[in-house]
Amino acid sequence: MVESSIKDVLSEIDVQKIEQFSKDKKMVAAVRKVMLQGLYSHGVVGKDVVVDPLQNGAFHLASLALQNPIPDEEIGANVRAMFAGLNAMKNAFDTLETIKVEKKAVLSDYNEAV
């Protein structure tokens, strides 16, 4: 399978919209918070939060081993996979900032030296 560049799957308007979005740092931060907040803070104790260790993805996986013997290696692999998913999402946000409209040189008949 041939790996394609992200720009191979984006139209010119897609690139323009992504560039506009990326220029608004507050919007990028807000969207990142919305998409990642639940994953990063899953199971974190806070004010008015019912404490439940099973809200944490890693603890939930470990608790399954109590009812159905799951090898520690498998639990660890699942936790690693959860982290890989979070990291992939973070990297995708980082990639957004690299997508820019290619500036095309405009040739002019006007002689700027005159």
Protein backbone atom coordinates (compact mmCIF):
# COMPACT_ATOMS: atom_id res chain seq x y z
CA MET A 1 0.00 0.00 0.00
CA VAL A 2 1.35 3.40 -0.97
CA GLU A 3 1.34 5.96 1.82
CA SER A 4 -0.14 9.23 0.71
CA SER A 5 0.54 12.71 1.96
CA ILE A 6 -2.25 14.43 3.87
CA LYS A 7 -2.36 17.00 1.06
CA ASP A 8 -3.15 14.21 -1.42
CA VAL A 9 -6.56 13.77 0.21
CA LEU A 10 -7.39 17.44 0.73
CA SER A 11 -8.97 19.74 -1.81
CA GLU A 12 -7.75 23.32 -2.17
CA ILE A 13 -10.76 24.55 -0.20
CA ASP A 14 -10.00 21.99 2.54
CA VAL A 15 -6.46 23.36 2.82
CA GLN A 16 -7.76 26.95 2.93
CA LYS A 17 -10.30 26.12 5.65
CA ILE A 18 -7.70 24.24 7.72
CA GLU A 19 -5.26 27.13 7.41
CA GLN A 20 -7.96 29.58 8.53
CA PHE A 21 -8.85 27.32 11.46
CA SER A 22 -5.18 26.89 12.46
CA LYS A 23 -4.58 30.65 12.47
CA ASP A 24 -7.19 31.03 15.22
CA LYS A 25 -5.13 29.66 18.12
CA LYS A 26 -7.99 30.11 20.60
CA MET A 27 -10.32 28.05 18.39
CA VAL A 28 -7.73 25.29 17.96
CA ALA A 29 -7.22 25.17 21.74
CA ALA A 30 -10.97 25.08 22.36
CA VAL A 31 -11.57 22.25 19.87
CA ARG A 32 -8.58 20.32 21.23
CA LYS A 33 -10.04 20.65 24.75
CA VAL A 34 -13.44 19.42 23.65
CA MET A 35 -12.04 16.43 21.78
CA LEU A 36 -9.36 15.39 24.27
CA GLN A 37 -10.67 16.56 27.66
CA GLY A 38 -12.81 13.51 28.27
CA LEU A 39 -9.97 11.19 27.35
CA TYR A 40 -7.25 12.96 29.33
CA SER A 41 -9.34 13.50 32.44
CA HIS A 42 -11.29 10.23 32.33
CA GLY A 43 -11.60 9.13 35.92
CA VAL A 44 -9.92 12.20 37.42
CA VAL A 45 -11.32 13.25 40.76
CA GLY A 46 -12.70 16.77 40.98
CA LYS A 47 -15.26 18.93 42.72
CA ASP A 48 -18.76 17.44 42.56
CA VAL A 49 -17.44 14.27 40.87
CA VAL A 50 -18.58 10.86 42.06
CA VAL A 51 -15.41 8.89 42.73
CA ASP A 52 -15.38 5.71 40.66
CA PRO A 53 -12.07 4.08 39.72
CA LEU A 54 -13.79 2.26 36.86
CA GLN A 55 -14.15 5.57 35.01
CA ASN A 56 -10.41 5.41 34.38
CA GLY A 57 -9.80 3.32 31.25
CA ALA A 58 -6.70 1.58 32.60
CA PHE A 59 -8.33 0.73 35.93
CA HIS A 60 -11.40 -0.55 34.13
CA LEU A 61 -9.27 -2.91 32.04
CA ALA A 62 -7.50 -4.15 35.16
CA SER A 63 -10.84 -4.75 36.90
CA LEU A 64 -11.96 -7.03 34.06
CA ALA A 65 -9.12 -9.38 34.95
CA LEU A 66 -10.78 -10.01 38.33
CA GLN A 67 -13.84 -11.56 36.64
CA ASN A 68 -12.21 -13.03 33.57
CA PRO A 69 -8.53 -13.87 33.85
CA ILE A 70 -6.80 -11.58 31.39
CA PRO A 71 -3.01 -11.81 31.27
CA ASP A 72 -1.14 -8.74 32.53
CA GLU A 73 0.57 -8.54 29.14
CA GLU A 74 -2.81 -8.13 27.41
CA ILE A 75 -3.92 -5.44 29.84
CA GLY A 76 -0.64 -3.62 29.28
CA ALA A 77 -1.03 -3.91 25.51
CA ASN A 78 -4.54 -2.44 25.75
CA VAL A 79 -3.33 0.47 27.89
CA ARG A 80 -0.54 1.07 25.38
CA ALA A 81 -3.12 1.03 22.56
CA MET A 82 -5.24 3.59 24.42
CA PHE A 83 -2.20 5.85 24.73
CA ALA A 84 -1.36 5.34 21.05
CA GLY A 85 -4.87 6.50 20.12
CA LEU A 86 -4.55 9.62 22.28
CA ASN A 87 -1.13 10.32 20.84
CA ALA A 88 -2.40 9.87 17.27
CA MET A 89 -5.12 12.43 17.94
CA LYS A 90 -2.58 14.87 19.41
CA ASN A 91 -0.33 14.38 16.37
CA ALA A 92 -3.28 15.03 14.05
CA PHE A 93 -3.84 18.39 15.77
CA ASP A 94 -0.14 19.16 15.37
CA THR A 95 -0.37 18.27 11.67
CA LEU A 96 -3.21 20.76 11.18
CA GLU A 97 -0.77 23.59 11.85
CA THR A 98 1.52 22.43 9.05
CA ILE A 99 -1.19 22.57 6.38
CA LYS A 100 -0.91 25.84 4.49
CA VAL A 101 -2.04 27.14 1.12
CA GLU A 102 0.85 27.05 -1.32
CA LYS A 103 1.72 30.58 -2.37
CA LYS A 104 1.95 30.82 -6.14
CA ALA A 105 4.26 33.38 -7.69
CA VAL A 106 2.39 35.89 -9.79
CA LEU A 107 4.24 37.15 -12.84
CA SER A 108 3.62 40.78 -13.64
CA ASP A 109 4.17 42.69 -16.86
CA TYR A 110 4.80 45.75 -14.71
CA ASN A 111 8.45 46.66 -14.23
CA GLU A 112 8.90 47.53 -10.58
CA ALA A 113 12.35 49.03 -11.24
CA VAL A 114 10.89 51.91 -13.25
